[in-house]
Amino acid sequence: MIKRISLIMLSVFALTACGEKAQMLGTKNDATAFSGAENKFVDAGWTPGDKNSWEQHLRARAQYGQNDNTRAP
């Protein structure tokens, strides 16, 4: 009798796992990286929406801010 109840409970648990809905948050429409943001972290010399300005700022950041070879010891 106990084996039958445990088998039924195991079957119920197994079948409930198959009924889970997909976890979609909706369609994802990503913007381009250079399109900009409306916050205080945007660099002052950069123009949102201007790809050339975005690329220039990335180059300058990579050269002066993140290049350990150019830093003084």
C-alpha atoms as a PDB file:
ATOM      1  CA  MET A   1       0.000   0.000   0.000  1.00  0.00           C
ATOM      2  CA  ILE A   2       2.818   2.430   0.883  1.00  0.00           C
ATOM      3  CA  LYS A   3       4.679   1.555  -2.318  1.00  0.00           C
ATOM      4  CA  ARG A   4       1.580   2.358  -4.351  1.00  0.00           C
ATOM      5  CA  ILE A   5       1.109   5.751  -2.672  1.00  0.00           C
ATOM      6  CA  SER A   6       4.762   6.645  -3.113  1.00  0.00           C
ATOM      7  CA  LEU A   7       4.613   5.599  -6.773  1.00  0.00           C
ATOM      8  CA  ILE A   8       1.561   7.797  -7.330  1.00  0.00           C
ATOM      9  CA  MET A   9       3.215  10.753  -5.581  1.00  0.00           C
ATOM     10  CA  LEU A  10       6.390  10.284  -7.621  1.00  0.00           C
ATOM     11  CA  SER A  11       4.341  10.224 -10.825  1.00  0.00           C
ATOM     12  CA  VAL A  12       2.505  13.404  -9.844  1.00  0.00           C
ATOM     13  CA  PHE A  13       5.766  15.214  -9.081  1.00  0.00           C
ATOM     14  CA  ALA A  14       7.306  14.066 -12.355  1.00  0.00           C
ATOM     15  CA  LEU A  15       4.330  15.246 -14.374  1.00  0.00           C
ATOM     16  CA  THR A  16       4.187  18.676 -12.718  1.00  0.00           C
ATOM     17  CA  ALA A  17       7.778  19.336 -13.828  1.00  0.00           C
ATOM     18  CA  CYS A  18       6.708  18.895 -17.451  1.00  0.00           C
ATOM     19  CA  GLY A  19       4.025  21.546 -17.124  1.00  0.00           C
ATOM     20  CA  GLU A  20       6.332  24.475 -16.447  1.00  0.00           C
ATOM     21  CA  LYS A  21       5.766  27.491 -18.673  1.00  0.00           C
ATOM     22  CA  ALA A  22       8.570  29.124 -20.615  1.00  0.00           C
ATOM     23  CA  GLN A  23      10.100  32.081 -18.801  1.00  0.00           C
ATOM     24  CA  MET A  24      10.077  34.714 -21.523  1.00  0.00           C
ATOM     25  CA  LEU A  25      10.155  38.395 -20.646  1.00  0.00           C
ATOM     26  CA  GLY A  26       8.908  39.452 -24.064  1.00  0.00           C
ATOM     27  CA  THR A  27      10.690  40.525 -27.193  1.00  0.00           C
ATOM     28  CA  LYS A  28      14.127  41.966 -26.748  1.00  0.00           C
ATOM     29  CA  ASN A  29      14.928  45.024 -28.826  1.00  0.00           C
ATOM     30  CA  ASP A  30      18.496  45.997 -28.014  1.00  0.00           C
ATOM     31  CA  ALA A  31      19.797  49.382 -28.966  1.00  0.00           C
ATOM     32  CA  THR A  32      23.221  49.997 -30.438  1.00  0.00           C
ATOM     33  CA  ALA A  33      26.021  50.712 -27.975  1.00  0.00           C
ATOM     34  CA  PHE A  34      26.575  54.233 -29.267  1.00  0.00           C
ATOM     35  CA  SER A  35      22.912  55.275 -29.062  1.00  0.00           C
ATOM     36  CA  GLY A  36      23.432  56.657 -25.564  1.00  0.00           C
ATOM     37  CA  ALA A  37      21.807  56.655 -22.183  1.00  0.00           C
ATOM     38  CA  GLU A  38      20.051  59.176 -20.019  1.00  0.00           C
ATOM     39  CA  ASN A  39      22.145  59.008 -16.871  1.00  0.00           C
ATOM     40  CA  LYS A  40      25.006  60.745 -15.085  1.00  0.00           C
ATOM     41  CA  PHE A  41      27.614  58.171 -16.177  1.00  0.00           C
ATOM     42  CA  VAL A  42      27.732  59.315 -19.817  1.00  0.00           C
ATOM     43  CA  ASP A  43      31.063  60.984 -20.636  1.00  0.00           C
ATOM     44  CA  ALA A  44      30.822  64.738 -21.065  1.00  0.00           C
ATOM     45  CA  GLY A  45      32.682  64.894 -24.412  1.00  0.00           C
ATOM     46  CA  TRP A  46      30.670  62.167 -26.075  1.00  0.00           C
ATOM     47  CA  THR A  47      27.658  62.851 -28.293  1.00  0.00           C
ATOM     48  CA  PRO A  48      24.930  60.181 -27.953  1.00  0.00           C
ATOM     49  CA  GLY A  49      24.036  58.661 -31.311  1.00  0.00           C
ATOM     50  CA  ASP A  50      27.340  59.574 -32.960  1.00  0.00           C
ATOM     51  CA  LYS A  51      29.207  56.354 -33.799  1.00  0.00           C
ATOM     52  CA  ASN A  52      32.460  58.118 -34.675  1.00  0.00           C
ATOM     53  CA  SER A  53      32.506  59.933 -31.339  1.00  0.00           C
ATOM     54  CA  TRP A  54      31.805  56.631 -29.550  1.00  0.00           C
ATOM     55  CA  GLU A  55      34.718  54.895 -31.288  1.00  0.00           C
ATOM     56  CA  GLN A  56      37.102  57.758 -30.525  1.00  0.00           C
ATOM     57  CA  HIS A  57      36.210  57.632 -26.842  1.00  0.00           C
ATOM     58  CA  LEU A  58      36.737  53.869 -26.770  1.00  0.00           C
ATOM     59  CA  ARG A  59      40.173  54.260 -28.331  1.00  0.00           C
ATOM     60  CA  ALA A  60      41.156  56.993 -25.877  1.00  0.00           C
ATOM     61  CA  ARG A  61      39.925  54.963 -22.910  1.00  0.00           C
ATOM     62  CA  ALA A  62      41.831  51.884 -24.052  1.00  0.00           C
ATOM     63  CA  GLN A  63      45.025  53.883 -24.592  1.00  0.00           C
ATOM     64  CA  TYR A  64      45.080  56.161 -21.550  1.00  0.00           C
ATOM     65  CA  GLY A  65      42.810  54.577 -18.970  1.00  0.00           C
ATOM     66  CA  GLN A  66      43.388  50.856 -19.335  1.00  0.00           C
ATOM     67  CA  ASN A  67      46.858  50.543 -20.812  1.00  0.00           C
ATOM     68  CA  ASP A  68      49.271  49.642 -17.996  1.00  0.00           C
ATOM     69  CA  ASN A  69      52.295  50.135 -20.269  1.00  0.00           C
ATOM     70  CA  THR A  70      51.706  53.892 -20.438  1.00  0.00           C
ATOM     71  CA  ARG A  71      51.300  54.365 -16.669  1.00  0.00           C
ATOM     72  CA  ALA A  72      54.198  55.560 -14.552  1.00  0.00           C
ATOM     73  CA  PRO A  73      55.623  52.982 -12.124  1.00  0.00           C
END
